[in-house]
Amino acid sequence: RRDRERFSSPRQTPRNRGPGRREIGHGALAERALRYVVPTIQEFPYSIRVVSDILESNGSSSMATVCSGTLALLDAGVPIKAPVAGIAMGLVTQGEKWEVLTDIAGLEDHLGDMDFKV
């Protein structure tokens, strides 16, 4: 019985209470990136909803949402003004030396000094 409790403890799996601050922030970032290429309601009088479920990531899930959102809109036949892409950049410093990394992975994001989305 104790073994089952250890693996089914509520501390092991967070409760699903809807989107958190991080998810809302990533959604807002993706929306801001795609907003300017979506046609006006006069040009395209249909509702548009883009949903991005990230199941696993070792990089920028928000930038993956921007790229996949563009592909989803194109696949759905939405006449966007131009394709949009995003990439995560990272800054790593050591003393006076510095390097900018492109398309950073999770470890580079965690150990780096700064990350920013382009």
PDB file of N, CA and C in Angstrom:
ATOM      1  N   ARG A   1       0.835  -1.199   0.000  1.00  0.00           N
ATOM      2  CA  ARG A   1       0.000   0.000   0.000  1.00  0.00           C
ATOM      3  C   ARG A   1       0.875   1.256   0.000  1.00  0.00           C
ATOM      4  N   ARG A   2       1.938   1.272   0.777  1.00  0.00           N
ATOM      5  CA  ARG A   2       2.778   2.472   0.837  1.00  0.00           C
ATOM      6  C   ARG A   2       3.446   2.768  -0.510  1.00  0.00           C
ATOM      7  N   ASP A   3       3.821   1.720  -1.252  1.00  0.00           N
ATOM      8  CA  ASP A   3       4.420   1.953  -2.567  1.00  0.00           C
ATOM      9  C   ASP A   3       3.444   2.649  -3.501  1.00  0.00           C
ATOM     10  N   ARG A   4       2.187   2.223  -3.480  1.00  0.00           N
ATOM     11  CA  ARG A   4       1.180   2.860  -4.344  1.00  0.00           C
ATOM     12  C   ARG A   4       0.983   4.312  -3.958  1.00  0.00           C
ATOM     13  N   GLU A   5       0.989   4.617  -2.676  1.00  0.00           N
ATOM     14  CA  GLU A   5       0.795   6.001  -2.230  1.00  0.00           C
ATOM     15  C   GLU A   5       1.936   6.890  -2.710  1.00  0.00           C
ATOM     16  N   ARG A   6       3.140   6.355  -2.684  1.00  0.00           N
ATOM     17  CA  ARG A   6       4.285   7.150  -3.102  1.00  0.00           C
ATOM     18  C   ARG A   6       4.164   7.558  -4.574  1.00  0.00           C
ATOM     19  N   PHE A   7       3.674   6.661  -5.417  1.00  0.00           N
ATOM     20  CA  PHE A   7       3.580   6.962  -6.845  1.00  0.00           C
ATOM     21  C   PHE A   7       2.294   7.687  -7.223  1.00  0.00           C
ATOM     22  N   SER A   8       1.321   7.721  -6.351  1.00  0.00           N
ATOM     23  CA  SER A   8       0.069   8.401  -6.689  1.00  0.00           C
ATOM     24  C   SER A   8      -0.156   9.633  -5.819  1.00  0.00           C
ATOM     25  N   SER A   9       0.904  10.107  -5.214  1.00  0.00           N
ATOM     26  CA  SER A   9       0.797  11.274  -4.340  1.00  0.00           C
ATOM     27  C   SER A   9       0.424  12.518  -5.138  1.00  0.00           C
ATOM     28  N   PRO A  10      -0.438  13.380  -4.589  1.00  0.00           N
ATOM     29  CA  PRO A  10      -0.773  14.623  -5.288  1.00  0.00           C
ATOM     30  C   PRO A  10       0.430  15.549  -5.452  1.00  0.00           C
ATOM     31  N   ARG A  11       1.468  15.345  -4.665  1.00  0.00           N
ATOM     32  CA  ARG A  11       2.668  16.171  -4.808  1.00  0.00           C
ATOM     33  C   ARG A  11       3.451  15.802  -6.069  1.00  0.00           C
ATOM     34  N   GLN A  12       3.244  14.597  -6.577  1.00  0.00           N
ATOM     35  CA  GLN A  12       3.959  14.145  -7.772  1.00  0.00           C
ATOM     36  C   GLN A  12       3.420  14.801  -9.041  1.00  0.00           C
ATOM     37  N   THR A  13       2.124  15.031  -9.100  1.00  0.00           N
ATOM     38  CA  THR A  13       1.486  15.589 -10.286  1.00  0.00           C
ATOM     39  C   THR A  13       0.710  16.836  -9.889  1.00  0.00           C
ATOM     40  N   PRO A  14       1.028  17.976 -10.483  1.00  0.00           N
ATOM     41  CA  PRO A  14       0.284  19.192 -10.125  1.00  0.00           C
ATOM     42  C   PRO A  14      -1.160  19.107 -10.598  1.00  0.00           C
ATOM     43  N   ARG A  15      -2.036  19.728  -9.854  1.00  0.00           N
ATOM     44  CA  ARG A  15      -3.443  19.755 -10.242  1.00  0.00           C
ATOM     45  C   ARG A  15      -3.623  20.669 -11.442  1.00  0.00           C
ATOM     46  N   ASN A  16      -4.557  20.296 -12.289  1.00  0.00           N
ATOM     47  CA  ASN A  16      -4.836  21.103 -13.467  1.00  0.00           C
ATOM     48  C   ASN A  16      -5.842  22.177 -13.093  1.00  0.00           C
ATOM     49  N   ARG A  17      -5.369  23.384 -12.923  1.00  0.00           N
ATOM     50  CA  ARG A  17      -6.231  24.501 -12.545  1.00  0.00           C
ATOM     51  C   ARG A  17      -6.304  25.540 -13.654  1.00  0.00           C
ATOM     52  N   GLY A  18      -6.074  25.133 -14.873  1.00  0.00           N
ATOM     53  CA  GLY A  18      -6.094  26.080 -15.978  1.00  0.00           C
ATOM     54  C   GLY A  18      -4.711  26.632 -16.234  1.00  0.00           C
ATOM     55  N   PRO A  19      -4.618  27.542 -17.181  1.00  0.00           N
ATOM     56  CA  PRO A  19      -3.304  28.083 -17.533  1.00  0.00           C
ATOM     57  C   PRO A  19      -2.706  28.920 -16.412  1.00  0.00           C
ATOM     58  N   GLY A  20      -1.401  28.793 -16.244  1.00  0.00           N
ATOM     59  CA  GLY A  20      -0.688  29.579 -15.243  1.00  0.00           C
ATOM     60  C   GLY A  20      -0.130  30.854 -15.853  1.00  0.00           C
ATOM     61  N   ARG A  21       0.594  31.594 -15.040  1.00  0.00           N
ATOM     62  CA  ARG A  21       1.194  32.854 -15.491  1.00  0.00           C
ATOM     63  C   ARG A  21       2.111  32.669 -16.691  1.00  0.00           C
ATOM     64  N   ARG A  22       2.900  31.614 -16.660  1.00  0.00           N
ATOM     65  CA  ARG A  22       3.850  31.341 -17.742  1.00  0.00           C
ATOM     66  C   ARG A  22       3.116  31.077 -19.055  1.00  0.00           C
ATOM     67  N   GLU A  23       2.085  30.236 -19.003  1.00  0.00           N
ATOM     68  CA  GLU A  23       1.326  29.913 -20.207  1.00  0.00           C
ATOM     69  C   GLU A  23       0.617  31.140 -20.767  1.00  0.00           C
ATOM     70  N   ILE A  24       0.073  31.958 -19.896  1.00  0.00           N
ATOM     71  CA  ILE A  24      -0.608  33.182 -20.337  1.00  0.00           C
ATOM     72  C   ILE A  24       0.391  34.135 -20.985  1.00  0.00           C
ATOM     73  N   GLY A  25       1.571  34.265 -20.390  1.00  0.00           N
ATOM     74  CA  GLY A  25       2.611  35.122 -20.960  1.00  0.00           C
ATOM     75  C   GLY A  25       3.077  34.642 -22.324  1.00  0.00           C
ATOM     76  N   HIS A  26       3.262  33.319 -22.467  1.00  0.00           N
ATOM     77  CA  HIS A  26       3.679  32.769 -23.756  1.00  0.00           C
ATOM     78  C   HIS A  26       2.594  32.969 -24.805  1.00  0.00           C
ATOM     79  N   GLY A  27       1.341  32.817 -24.401  1.00  0.00           N
ATOM     80  CA  GLY A  27       0.234  33.048 -25.327  1.00  0.00           C
ATOM     81  C   GLY A  27       0.181  34.490 -25.793  1.00  0.00           C
ATOM     82  N   ALA A  28       0.404  35.416 -24.867  1.00  0.00           N
ATOM     83  CA  ALA A  28       0.396  36.842 -25.221  1.00  0.00           C
ATOM     84  C   ALA A  28       1.547  37.170 -26.169  1.00  0.00           C
ATOM     85  N   LEU A  29       2.705  36.562 -25.944  1.00  0.00           N
ATOM     86  CA  LEU A  29       3.860  36.785 -26.816  1.00  0.00           C
ATOM     87  C   LEU A  29       3.572  36.284 -28.231  1.00  0.00           C
ATOM     88  N   ALA A  30       3.012  35.092 -28.337  1.00  0.00           N
ATOM     89  CA  ALA A  30       2.680  34.537 -29.654  1.00  0.00           C
ATOM     90  C   ALA A  30       1.595  35.367 -30.332  1.00  0.00           C
ATOM     91  N   GLU A  31       0.610  35.800 -29.567  1.00  0.00           N
ATOM     92  CA  GLU A  31      -0.460  36.625 -30.142  1.00  0.00           C
ATOM     93  C   GLU A  31       0.098  37.939 -30.690  1.00  0.00           C
ATOM     94  N   ARG A  32       0.995  38.565 -29.944  1.00  0.00           N
ATOM     95  CA  ARG A  32       1.587  39.826 -30.419  1.00  0.00           C
ATOM     96  C   ARG A  32       2.392  39.612 -31.697  1.00  0.00           C
ATOM     97  N   ALA A  33       3.033  38.464 -31.827  1.00  0.00           N
ATOM     98  CA  ALA A  33       3.821  38.187 -33.030  1.00  0.00           C
ATOM     99  C   ALA A  33       2.928  37.947 -34.244  1.00  0.00           C
ATOM    100  N   LEU A  34       1.782  37.306 -34.045  1.00  0.00           N
ATOM    101  CA  LEU A  34       0.909  36.940 -35.160  1.00  0.00           C
ATOM    102  C   LEU A  34      -0.146  37.993 -35.473  1.00  0.00           C
ATOM    103  N   ARG A  35      -0.439  38.863 -34.539  1.00  0.00           N
ATOM    104  CA  ARG A  35      -1.529  39.835 -34.683  1.00  0.00           C
ATOM    105  C   ARG A  35      -1.402  40.687 -35.937  1.00  0.00           C
ATOM    106  N   TYR A  36      -0.201  41.097 -36.275  1.00  0.00           N
ATOM    107  CA  TYR A  36       0.000  42.054 -37.363  1.00  0.00           C
ATOM    108  C   TYR A  36      -0.063  41.433 -38.754  1.00  0.00           C
ATOM    109  N   VAL A  37      -0.073  40.116 -38.845  1.00  0.00           N
ATOM    110  CA  VAL A  37      -0.153  39.480 -40.160  1.00  0.00           C
ATOM    111  C   VAL A  37      -1.533  38.902 -40.455  1.00  0.00           C
ATOM    112  N   VAL A  38      -2.377  38.840 -39.439  1.00  0.00           N
ATOM    113  CA  VAL A  38      -3.731  38.314 -39.621  1.00  0.00           C
ATOM    114  C   VAL A  38      -4.573  39.369 -40.339  1.00  0.00           C
ATOM    115  N   PRO A  39      -5.384  38.952 -41.315  1.00  0.00           N
ATOM    116  CA  PRO A  39      -6.194  39.927 -42.047  1.00  0.00           C
ATOM    117  C   PRO A  39      -7.263  40.570 -41.164  1.00  0.00           C
ATOM    118  N   THR A  40      -7.729  41.737 -41.577  1.00  0.00           N
ATOM    119  CA  THR A  40      -8.803  42.419 -40.845  1.00  0.00           C
ATOM    120  C   THR A  40     -10.100  41.645 -41.015  1.00  0.00           C
ATOM    121  N   ILE A  41     -11.085  41.977 -40.208  1.00  0.00           N
ATOM    122  CA  ILE A  41     -12.377  41.294 -40.284  1.00  0.00           C
ATOM    123  C   ILE A  41     -13.074  41.558 -41.620  1.00  0.00           C
ATOM    124  N   GLN A  42     -12.779  42.700 -42.235  1.00  0.00           N
ATOM    125  CA  GLN A  42     -13.344  42.989 -43.555  1.00  0.00           C
ATOM    126  C   GLN A  42     -12.694  42.105 -44.632  1.00  0.00           C
ATOM    127  N   GLU A  43     -11.422  41.811 -44.481  1.00  0.00           N
ATOM    128  CA  GLU A  43     -10.706  40.983 -45.453  1.00  0.00           C
ATOM    129  C   GLU A  43     -10.997  39.491 -45.274  1.00  0.00           C
ATOM    130  N   PHE A  44     -11.251  39.083 -44.032  1.00  0.00           N
ATOM    131  CA  PHE A  44     -11.449  37.664 -43.708  1.00  0.00           C
ATOM    132  C   PHE A  44     -12.478  37.578 -42.587  1.00  0.00           C
ATOM    133  N   PRO A  45     -13.773  37.516 -42.932  1.00  0.00           N
ATOM    134  CA  PRO A  45     -14.829  37.610 -41.911  1.00  0.00           C
ATOM    135  C   PRO A  45     -15.116  36.295 -41.179  1.00  0.00           C
ATOM    136  N   TYR A  46     -14.088  35.642 -40.701  1.00  0.00           N
ATOM    137  CA  TYR A  46     -14.236  34.382 -39.985  1.00  0.00           C
ATOM    138  C   TYR A  46     -13.482  34.463 -38.660  1.00  0.00           C
ATOM    139  N   SER A  47     -13.926  33.660 -37.708  1.00  0.00           N
ATOM    140  CA  SER A  47     -13.213  33.583 -36.428  1.00  0.00           C
ATOM    141  C   SER A  47     -11.930  32.787 -36.620  1.00  0.00           C
ATOM    142  N   ILE A  48     -10.897  33.206 -35.929  1.00  0.00           N
ATOM    143  CA  ILE A  48      -9.611  32.508 -35.982  1.00  0.00           C
ATOM    144  C   ILE A  48      -9.210  32.172 -34.553  1.00  0.00           C
ATOM    145  N   ARG A  49      -8.872  30.911 -34.344  1.00  0.00           N
ATOM    146  CA  ARG A  49      -8.394  30.485 -33.024  1.00  0.00           C
ATOM    147  C   ARG A  49      -7.193  29.572 -33.232  1.00  0.00           C
ATOM    148  N   VAL A  50      -6.095  29.941 -32.657  1.00  0.00           N
ATOM    149  CA  VAL A  50      -4.881  29.126 -32.728  1.00  0.00           C
ATOM    150  C   VAL A  50      -4.641  28.555 -31.340  1.00  0.00           C
ATOM    151  N   VAL A  51      -4.543  27.228 -31.250  1.00  0.00           N
ATOM    152  CA  VAL A  51      -4.287  26.554 -29.976  1.00  0.00           C
ATOM    153  C   VAL A  51      -2.952  25.834 -30.091  1.00  0.00           C
ATOM    154  N   SER A  52      -2.100  26.022 -29.108  1.00  0.00           N
ATOM    155  CA  SER A  52      -0.791  25.381 -29.100  1.00  0.00           C
ATOM    156  C   SER A  52      -0.634  24.596 -27.805  1.00  0.00           C
ATOM    157  N   ASP A  53      -0.592  23.281 -27.924  1.00  0.00           N
ATOM    158  CA  ASP A  53      -0.354  22.419 -26.766  1.00  0.00           C
ATOM    159  C   ASP A  53       1.082  21.917 -26.843  1.00  0.00           C
ATOM    160  N   ILE A  54       1.910  22.362 -25.926  1.00  0.00           N
ATOM    161  CA  ILE A  54       3.308  21.932 -25.884  1.00  0.00           C
ATOM    162  C   ILE A  54       3.382  20.708 -24.977  1.00  0.00           C
ATOM    163  N   LEU A  55       3.735  19.569 -25.547  1.00  0.00           N
ATOM    164  CA  LEU A  55       3.800  18.337 -24.772  1.00  0.00           C
ATOM    165  C   LEU A  55       5.180  18.113 -24.168  1.00  0.00           C
ATOM    166  N   GLU A  56       6.202  18.617 -24.822  1.00  0.00           N
ATOM    167  CA  GLU A  56       7.575  18.452 -24.351  1.00  0.00           C
ATOM    168  C   GLU A  56       8.418  19.508 -25.041  1.00  0.00           C
ATOM    169  N   SER A  57       9.414  20.025 -24.355  1.00  0.00           N
ATOM    170  CA  SER A  57      10.291  20.982 -25.026  1.00  0.00           C
ATOM    171  C   SER A  57      11.673  20.969 -24.404  1.00  0.00           C
ATOM    172  N   ASN A  58      12.642  21.271 -25.236  1.00  0.00           N
ATOM    173  CA  ASN A  58      14.005  21.470 -24.780  1.00  0.00           C
ATOM    174  C   ASN A  58      14.524  22.743 -25.438  1.00  0.00           C
ATOM    175  N   GLY A  59      13.697  23.749 -25.407  1.00  0.00           N
ATOM    176  CA  GLY A  59      14.013  25.017 -26.038  1.00  0.00           C
ATOM    177  C   GLY A  59      12.872  25.975 -25.776  1.00  0.00           C
ATOM    178  N   SER A  60      12.674  26.902 -26.672  1.00  0.00           N
ATOM    179  CA  SER A  60      11.670  27.936 -26.476  1.00  0.00           C
ATOM    180  C   SER A  60      10.305  27.485 -26.973  1.00  0.00           C
ATOM    181  N   SER A  61       9.423  27.158 -26.050  1.00  0.00           N
ATOM    182  CA  SER A  61       8.073  26.753 -26.443  1.00  0.00           C
ATOM    183  C   SER A  61       7.280  27.936 -26.986  1.00  0.00           C
ATOM    184  N   SER A  62       7.571  29.143 -26.524  1.00  0.00           N
ATOM    185  CA  SER A  62       6.844  30.306 -27.042  1.00  0.00           C
ATOM    186  C   SER A  62       7.216  30.572 -28.496  1.00  0.00           C
ATOM    187  N   MET A  63       8.478  30.401 -28.855  1.00  0.00           N
ATOM    188  CA  MET A  63       8.884  30.612 -30.241  1.00  0.00           C
ATOM    189  C   MET A  63       8.403  29.462 -31.123  1.00  0.00           C
ATOM    190  N   ALA A  64       8.321  28.260 -30.570  1.00  0.00           N
ATOM    191  CA  ALA A  64       7.733  27.142 -31.314  1.00  0.00           C
ATOM    192  C   ALA A  64       6.262  27.424 -31.600  1.00  0.00           C
ATOM    193  N   THR A  65       5.581  28.071 -30.658  1.00  0.00           N
ATOM    194  CA  THR A  65       4.181  28.438 -30.853  1.00  0.00           C
ATOM    195  C   THR A  65       4.032  29.457 -31.971  1.00  0.00           C
ATOM    196  N   VAL A  66       4.930  30.418 -32.048  1.00  0.00           N
ATOM    197  CA  VAL A  66       4.878  31.425 -33.118  1.00  0.00           C
ATOM    198  C   VAL A  66       5.065  30.748 -34.475  1.00  0.00           C
ATOM    199  N   CYS A  67       6.082  29.904 -34.591  1.00  0.00           N
ATOM    200  CA  CYS A  67       6.356  29.237 -35.869  1.00  0.00           C
ATOM    201  C   CYS A  67       5.216  28.298 -36.264  1.00  0.00           C
ATOM    202  N   SER A  68       4.755  27.485 -35.330  1.00  0.00           N
ATOM    203  CA  SER A  68       3.679  26.545 -35.648  1.00  0.00           C
ATOM    204  C   SER A  68       2.354  27.265 -35.861  1.00  0.00           C
ATOM    205  N   GLY A  69       2.158  28.394 -35.186  1.00  0.00           N
ATOM    206  CA  GLY A  69       0.948  29.191 -35.411  1.00  0.00           C
ATOM    207  C   GLY A  69       0.884  29.712 -36.830  1.00  0.00           C
ATOM    208  N   THR A  70       2.016  30.167 -37.355  1.00  0.00           N
ATOM    209  CA  THR A  70       2.079  30.613 -38.749  1.00  0.00           C
ATOM    210  C   THR A  70       1.731  29.467 -39.690  1.00  0.00           C
ATOM    211  N   LEU A  71       2.318  28.299 -39.450  1.00  0.00           N
ATOM    212  CA  LEU A  71       2.046  27.146 -40.309  1.00  0.00           C
ATOM    213  C   LEU A  71       0.583  26.725 -40.229  1.00  0.00           C
ATOM    214  N   ALA A  72       0.002  26.782 -39.034  1.00  0.00           N
ATOM    215  CA  ALA A  72      -1.408  26.415 -38.871  1.00  0.00           C
ATOM    216  C   ALA A  72      -2.317  27.380 -39.625  1.00  0.00           C
ATOM    217  N   LEU A  73      -2.022  28.676 -39.543  1.00  0.00           N
ATOM    218  CA  LEU A  73      -2.824  29.666 -40.266  1.00  0.00           C
ATOM    219  C   LEU A  73      -2.718  29.455 -41.776  1.00  0.00           C
ATOM    220  N   LEU A  74      -1.516  29.213 -42.268  1.00  0.00           N
ATOM    221  CA  LEU A  74      -1.331  28.957 -43.698  1.00  0.00           C
ATOM    222  C   LEU A  74      -2.069  27.692 -44.125  1.00  0.00           C
ATOM    223  N   ASP A  75      -1.965  26.633 -43.321  1.00  0.00           N
ATOM    224  CA  ASP A  75      -2.622  25.369 -43.636  1.00  0.00           C
ATOM    225  C   ASP A  75      -4.143  25.511 -43.645  1.00  0.00           C
ATOM    226  N   ALA A  76      -4.664  26.394 -42.792  1.00  0.00           N
ATOM    227  CA  ALA A  76      -6.114  26.610 -42.715  1.00  0.00           C
ATOM    228  C   ALA A  76      -6.622  27.528 -43.820  1.00  0.00           C
ATOM    229  N   GLY A  77      -5.715  28.082 -44.613  1.00  0.00           N
ATOM    230  CA  GLY A  77      -6.133  28.953 -45.703  1.00  0.00           C
ATOM    231  C   GLY A  77      -6.363  30.393 -45.309  1.00  0.00           C
ATOM    232  N   VAL A  78      -5.867  30.791 -44.144  1.00  0.00           N
ATOM    233  CA  VAL A  78      -5.999  32.187 -43.717  1.00  0.00           C
ATOM    234  C   VAL A  78      -4.998  33.013 -44.529  1.00  0.00           C
ATOM    235  N   PRO A  79      -5.463  34.056 -45.216  1.00  0.00           N
ATOM    236  CA  PRO A  79      -4.555  34.853 -46.052  1.00  0.00           C
ATOM    237  C   PRO A  79      -3.718  35.832 -45.227  1.00  0.00           C
ATOM    238  N   ILE A  80      -2.690  35.304 -44.552  1.00  0.00           N
ATOM    239  CA  ILE A  80      -1.842  36.175 -43.730  1.00  0.00           C
ATOM    240  C   ILE A  80      -0.963  37.040 -44.628  1.00  0.00           C
ATOM    241  N   LYS A  81      -0.546  38.178 -44.099  1.00  0.00           N
ATOM    242  CA  LYS A  81       0.249  39.142 -44.881  1.00  0.00           C
ATOM    243  C   LYS A  81       1.660  38.634 -45.157  1.00  0.00           C
ATOM    244  N   ALA A  82       2.236  37.907 -44.216  1.00  0.00           N
ATOM    245  CA  ALA A  82       3.590  37.366 -44.366  1.00  0.00           C
ATOM    246  C   ALA A  82       3.799  36.293 -43.309  1.00  0.00           C
ATOM    247  N   PRO A  83       4.663  35.323 -43.570  1.00  0.00           N
ATOM    248  CA  PRO A  83       4.969  34.331 -42.538  1.00  0.00           C
ATOM    249  C   PRO A  83       5.731  34.973 -41.378  1.00  0.00           C
ATOM    250  N   VAL A  84       5.540  34.419 -40.199  1.00  0.00           N
ATOM    251  CA  VAL A  84       6.215  34.910 -38.996  1.00  0.00           C
ATOM    252  C   VAL A  84       7.011  33.754 -38.396  1.00  0.00           C
ATOM    253  N   ALA A  85       8.195  34.040 -37.909  1.00  0.00           N
ATOM    254  CA  ALA A  85       9.009  33.039 -37.226  1.00  0.00           C
ATOM    255  C   ALA A  85       9.623  33.678 -35.993  1.00  0.00           C
ATOM    256  N   GLY A  86       9.979  32.862 -35.046  1.00  0.00           N
ATOM    257  CA  GLY A  86      10.623  33.360 -33.839  1.00  0.00           C
ATOM    258  C   GLY A  86      11.757  32.443 -33.441  1.00  0.00           C
ATOM    259  N   ILE A  87      12.712  32.996 -32.734  1.00  0.00           N
ATOM    260  CA  ILE A  87      13.853  32.209 -32.274  1.00  0.00           C
ATOM    261  C   ILE A  87      14.292  32.740 -30.911  1.00  0.00           C
ATOM    262  N   ALA A  88      14.738  31.839 -30.068  1.00  0.00           N
ATOM    263  CA  ALA A  88      15.249  32.229 -28.753  1.00  0.00           C
ATOM    264  C   ALA A  88      16.756  32.448 -28.856  1.00  0.00           C
ATOM    265  N   MET A  89      17.198  33.563 -28.339  1.00  0.00           N
ATOM    266  CA  MET A  89      18.621  33.907 -28.329  1.00  0.00           C
ATOM    267  C   MET A  89      19.086  33.892 -26.875  1.00  0.00           C
ATOM    268  N   GLY A  90      20.348  33.615 -26.671  1.00  0.00           N
ATOM    269  CA  GLY A  90      20.888  33.597 -25.321  1.00  0.00           C
ATOM    270  C   GLY A  90      22.218  34.324 -25.245  1.00  0.00           C
ATOM    271  N   LEU A  91      22.488  34.889 -24.091  1.00  0.00           N
ATOM    272  CA  LEU A  91      23.759  35.564 -23.845  1.00  0.00           C
ATOM    273  C   LEU A  91      24.490  34.807 -22.747  1.00  0.00           C
ATOM    274  N   VAL A  92      25.733  34.449 -23.033  1.00  0.00           N
ATOM    275  CA  VAL A  92      26.580  33.757 -22.062  1.00  0.00           C
ATOM    276  C   VAL A  92      27.827  34.606 -21.872  1.00  0.00           C
ATOM    277  N   THR A  93      28.157  34.888 -20.618  1.00  0.00           N
ATOM    278  CA  THR A  93      29.344  35.694 -20.333  1.00  0.00           C
ATOM    279  C   THR A  93      30.282  34.947 -19.398  1.00  0.00           C
ATOM    280  N   GLN A  94      31.558  35.288 -19.524  1.00  0.00           N
ATOM    281  CA  GLN A  94      32.577  34.786 -18.602  1.00  0.00           C
ATOM    282  C   GLN A  94      33.617  35.884 -18.494  1.00  0.00           C
ATOM    283  N   GLY A  95      33.572  36.616 -17.399  1.00  0.00           N
ATOM    284  CA  GLY A  95      34.452  37.766 -17.243  1.00  0.00           C
ATOM    285  C   GLY A  95      34.101  38.826 -18.271  1.00  0.00           C
ATOM    286  N   GLU A  96      35.090  39.222 -19.076  1.00  0.00           N
ATOM    287  CA  GLU A  96      34.871  40.225 -20.125  1.00  0.00           C
ATOM    288  C   GLU A  96      34.429  39.602 -21.449  1.00  0.00           C
ATOM    289  N   LYS A  97      34.497  38.278 -21.546  1.00  0.00           N
ATOM    290  CA  LYS A  97      34.107  37.595 -22.781  1.00  0.00           C
ATOM    291  C   LYS A  97      32.600  37.354 -22.789  1.00  0.00           C
ATOM    292  N   TRP A  98      32.014  37.410 -23.976  1.00  0.00           N
ATOM    293  CA  TRP A  98      30.594  37.126 -24.112  1.00  0.00           C
ATOM    294  C   TRP A  98      30.322  36.482 -25.462  1.00  0.00           C
ATOM    295  N   GLU A  99      29.270  35.710 -25.523  1.00  0.00           N
ATOM    296  CA  GLU A  99      28.827  35.064 -26.764  1.00  0.00           C
ATOM    297  C   GLU A  99      27.310  35.127 -26.819  1.00  0.00           C
ATOM    298  N   VAL A 100      26.795  35.343 -28.007  1.00  0.00           N
ATOM    299  CA  VAL A 100      25.355  35.278 -28.240  1.00  0.00           C
ATOM    300  C   VAL A 100      25.073  33.952 -28.929  1.00  0.00           C
ATOM    301  N   LEU A 101      24.166  33.185 -28.366  1.00  0.00           N
ATOM    302  CA  LEU A 101      23.798  31.884 -28.921  1.00  0.00           C
ATOM    303  C   LEU A 101      22.433  32.003 -29.591  1.00  0.00           C
ATOM    304  N   THR A 102      22.249  31.279 -30.696  1.00  0.00           N
ATOM    305  CA  THR A 102      20.947  31.275 -31.360  1.00  0.00           C
ATOM    306  C   THR A 102      20.266  29.933 -31.155  1.00  0.00           C
ATOM    307  N   ASP A 103      18.947  29.968 -31.107  1.00  0.00           N
ATOM    308  CA  ASP A 103      18.118  28.773 -30.937  1.00  0.00           C
ATOM    309  C   ASP A 103      18.580  27.956 -29.731  1.00  0.00           C
ATOM    310  N   ILE A 104      18.572  28.606 -28.576  1.00  0.00           N
ATOM    311  CA  ILE A 104      19.117  27.975 -27.375  1.00  0.00           C
ATOM    312  C   ILE A 104      18.242  26.818 -26.904  1.00  0.00           C
ATOM    313  N   ALA A 105      18.896  25.818 -26.363  1.00  0.00           N
ATOM    314  CA  ALA A 105      18.227  24.666 -25.772  1.00  0.00           C
ATOM    315  C   ALA A 105      17.968  24.951 -24.296  1.00  0.00           C
ATOM    316  N   GLY A 106      17.282  24.030 -23.643  1.00  0.00           N
ATOM    317  CA  GLY A 106      16.904  24.217 -22.249  1.00  0.00           C
ATOM    318  C   GLY A 106      18.078  24.452 -21.320  1.00  0.00           C
ATOM    319  N   LEU A 107      19.147  23.684 -21.466  1.00  0.00           N
ATOM    320  CA  LEU A 107      20.314  23.831 -20.598  1.00  0.00           C
ATOM    321  C   LEU A 107      20.993  25.180 -20.820  1.00  0.00           C
ATOM    322  N   GLU A 108      21.095  25.607 -22.073  1.00  0.00           N
ATOM    323  CA  GLU A 108      21.697  26.910 -22.370  1.00  0.00           C
ATOM    324  C   GLU A 108      20.844  28.044 -21.808  1.00  0.00           C
ATOM    325  N   ASP A 109      19.543  27.868 -21.862  1.00  0.00           N
ATOM    326  CA  ASP A 109      18.628  28.858 -21.288  1.00  0.00           C
ATOM    327  C   ASP A 109      18.823  28.938 -19.776  1.00  0.00           C
ATOM    328  N   HIS A 110      18.918  27.777 -19.136  1.00  0.00           N
ATOM    329  CA  HIS A 110      19.050  27.716 -17.678  1.00  0.00           C
ATOM    330  C   HIS A 110      20.395  28.263 -17.197  1.00  0.00           C
ATOM    331  N   LEU A 111      21.472  27.915 -17.888  1.00  0.00           N
ATOM    332  CA  LEU A 111      22.814  28.298 -17.439  1.00  0.00           C
ATOM    333  C   LEU A 111      23.279  29.643 -17.990  1.00  0.00           C
ATOM    334  N   GLY A 112      22.578  30.164 -18.983  1.00  0.00           N
ATOM    335  CA  GLY A 112      22.978  31.433 -19.593  1.00  0.00           C
ATOM    336  C   GLY A 112      22.666  32.623 -18.703  1.00  0.00           C
ATOM    337  N   ASP A 113      23.207  33.772 -19.084  1.00  0.00           N
ATOM    338  CA  ASP A 113      23.016  34.996 -18.311  1.00  0.00           C
ATOM    339  C   ASP A 113      21.742  35.738 -18.698  1.00  0.00           C
ATOM    340  N   MET A 114      21.305  35.580 -19.940  1.00  0.00           N
ATOM    341  CA  MET A 114      20.110  36.278 -20.393  1.00  0.00           C
ATOM    342  C   MET A 114      19.541  35.521 -21.586  1.00  0.00           C
ATOM    343  N   ASP A 115      18.224  35.515 -21.709  1.00  0.00           N
ATOM    344  CA  ASP A 115      17.625  34.995 -22.931  1.00  0.00           C
ATOM    345  C   ASP A 115      16.620  36.014 -23.442  1.00  0.00           C
ATOM    346  N   PHE A 116      16.481  36.056 -24.740  1.00  0.00           N
ATOM    347  CA  PHE A 116      15.532  36.992 -25.336  1.00  0.00           C
ATOM    348  C   PHE A 116      14.986  36.378 -26.611  1.00  0.00           C
ATOM    349  N   LYS A 117      13.782  36.774 -26.949  1.00  0.00           N
ATOM    350  CA  LYS A 117      13.082  36.221 -28.103  1.00  0.00           C
ATOM    351  C   LYS A 117      13.149  37.212 -29.257  1.00  0.00           C
ATOM    352  N   VAL A 118      13.440  36.694 -30.429  1.00  0.00           N
ATOM    353  CA  VAL A 118      13.529  37.537 -31.625  1.00  0.00           C
ATOM    354  C   VAL A 118      12.530  37.018 -32.639  1.00  0.00           C
TER     355      VAL A 118
END
